[in-house]
Amino acid sequence: MGLQWEAVVVNAVDPTALGRWWADALGWGAVIDSGGDVHIRPDADSHPEILFVAVPDPKQIQNRLHLDFRPENQEAEVQRLLALGARHADVGQGEQSWVVLADPEGNEFCVLSGRR
């Protein structure tokens, strides 16, 4: 197939701060390019990456796309992310096995329960 996934792009008012937050949350390295965009990857030469690009206005509505993460220990990971500055988010999920959080700019993501 000729199509290869390169990146997930996240709009951010402060791409440097938000990119560094996600790099810390994921344990990834951060690379800032000359245009002020922030590229984070697990390793310098790996893909896909998460690319943070500058936009003038803060997020106003629920994401149309979000990331799901499956940690070894959901409770510990949720606590670690909250300590980094995430917050709980209500997107109408009700009682579920996953936890919905939002990053410092309000982008929602899910922390799933461990694999059974």
Protein backbone atom coordinates (compact mmCIF):
# COMPACT_ATOMS: atom_id res chain seq x y z
CA MET A 1 0.00 0.00 0.00
CA GLY A 2 1.28 3.49 -0.82
CA LEU A 3 -0.24 5.32 2.14
CA GLN A 4 1.72 5.59 5.40
CA TRP A 5 0.55 7.21 8.63
CA GLU A 6 2.89 10.11 9.44
CA ALA A 7 1.34 12.10 12.30
CA VAL A 8 -1.60 13.12 14.41
CA VAL A 9 -1.82 16.92 14.38
CA VAL A 10 -3.00 18.81 17.46
CA ASN A 11 -3.88 22.50 17.29
CA ALA A 12 -2.52 24.39 20.30
CA VAL A 13 -2.42 27.96 21.54
CA ASP A 14 1.03 27.16 23.01
CA PRO A 15 2.47 24.25 21.01
CA THR A 16 5.75 24.29 22.93
CA ALA A 17 4.10 23.91 26.35
CA LEU A 18 1.50 21.42 25.17
CA GLY A 19 4.02 19.38 23.17
CA ARG A 20 6.35 19.19 26.16
CA TRP A 21 3.42 18.18 28.40
CA TRP A 22 2.55 15.29 26.08
CA ALA A 23 6.22 14.32 25.73
CA ASP A 24 6.42 14.08 29.53
CA ALA A 25 3.10 12.22 29.74
CA LEU A 26 4.23 9.65 27.15
CA GLY A 27 7.91 9.53 28.05
CA TRP A 28 8.81 10.61 24.50
CA GLY A 29 11.44 13.06 23.25
CA ALA A 30 10.38 16.47 21.92
CA VAL A 31 11.83 18.19 18.86
CA ILE A 32 10.96 21.80 18.11
CA ASP A 33 11.30 22.91 14.50
CA SER A 34 12.17 26.41 13.34
CA GLY A 35 8.54 27.32 12.71
CA GLY A 36 7.55 26.83 16.35
CA ASP A 37 5.77 23.53 15.77
CA VAL A 38 6.58 20.72 18.17
CA HIS A 39 7.07 17.15 16.95
CA ILE A 40 7.12 14.36 19.54
CA ARG A 41 8.01 10.75 18.83
CA PRO A 42 8.93 7.67 20.84
CA ASP A 43 12.37 7.75 19.16
CA ALA A 44 14.03 10.42 17.02
CA ASP A 45 13.60 8.52 13.75
CA SER A 46 10.25 6.83 14.43
CA HIS A 47 6.74 7.54 13.18
CA PRO A 48 3.93 8.18 13.59
CA GLU A 49 4.46 11.30 15.61
CA ILE A 50 2.23 13.81 17.36
CA LEU A 51 2.67 17.27 15.84
CA PHE A 52 1.57 20.38 17.77
CA VAL A 53 0.88 23.45 15.63
CA ALA A 54 0.00 26.98 16.65
CA VAL A 55 -3.55 28.33 16.36
CA PRO A 56 -4.70 31.71 17.66
CA ASP A 57 -7.77 30.63 19.62
CA PRO A 58 -8.21 28.14 22.48
CA LYS A 59 -10.25 24.98 21.98
CA GLN A 60 -13.99 25.67 22.25
CA ILE A 61 -15.76 22.37 21.56
CA GLN A 62 -15.34 18.64 22.17
CA ASN A 63 -12.66 16.92 20.06
CA ARG A 64 -13.82 15.10 16.94
CA LEU A 65 -10.81 12.81 17.32
CA HIS A 66 -9.08 11.70 20.50
CA LEU A 67 -6.31 9.37 21.62
CA ASP A 68 -6.83 6.21 23.70
CA PHE A 69 -4.06 4.83 25.92
CA ARG A 70 -3.94 1.42 27.60
CA PRO A 71 -1.60 1.47 30.60
CA GLU A 72 -0.45 -1.43 32.70
CA ASN A 73 -2.09 0.17 35.76
CA GLN A 74 -5.00 2.50 34.96
CA GLU A 75 -5.37 4.02 38.42
CA ALA A 76 -1.66 4.79 38.79
CA GLU A 77 -1.47 6.27 35.29
CA VAL A 78 -4.54 8.46 35.83
CA GLN A 79 -3.02 9.78 39.06
CA ARG A 80 0.33 10.45 37.33
CA LEU A 81 -1.38 12.34 34.48
CA LEU A 82 -3.48 14.38 36.91
CA ALA A 83 -0.29 15.30 38.79
CA LEU A 84 1.23 16.48 35.48
CA GLY A 85 -1.75 18.82 34.95
CA ALA A 86 -4.45 16.76 33.24
CA ARG A 87 -8.01 17.08 34.52
CA HIS A 88 -11.07 14.85 34.46
CA ALA A 89 -13.42 15.50 31.52
CA ASP A 90 -17.07 14.69 31.02
CA VAL A 91 -17.98 14.04 27.40
CA GLY A 92 -21.17 12.21 28.27
CA GLN A 93 -19.46 8.88 28.82
CA GLY A 94 -21.34 7.95 32.01
CA GLU A 95 -19.98 5.01 34.02
CA GLN A 96 -17.39 3.22 31.90
CA SER A 97 -14.25 1.15 32.36
CA TRP A 98 -12.16 3.97 30.87
CA VAL A 99 -11.33 7.39 32.31
CA VAL A 100 -11.67 10.52 30.18
CA LEU A 101 -9.09 13.19 30.89
CA ALA A 102 -8.19 16.48 29.22
CA ASP A 103 -4.70 17.86 28.67
CA PRO A 104 -3.79 21.43 29.79
CA GLU A 105 -5.47 22.94 26.69
CA GLY A 106 -8.66 20.87 27.05
CA ASN A 107 -8.02 18.11 24.47
CA GLU A 108 -9.79 14.96 25.65
CA PHE A 109 -8.14 11.54 25.75
CA CYS A 110 -9.00 8.19 27.34
CA VAL A 111 -7.05 6.04 29.74
CA LEU A 112 -8.38 2.52 29.23
CA SER A 113 -8.44 -0.28 31.75
CA GLY A 114 -5.78 -2.98 31.61
CA ARG A 115 -6.10 -5.81 29.12
CA ARG A 116 -7.98 -8.83 30.43
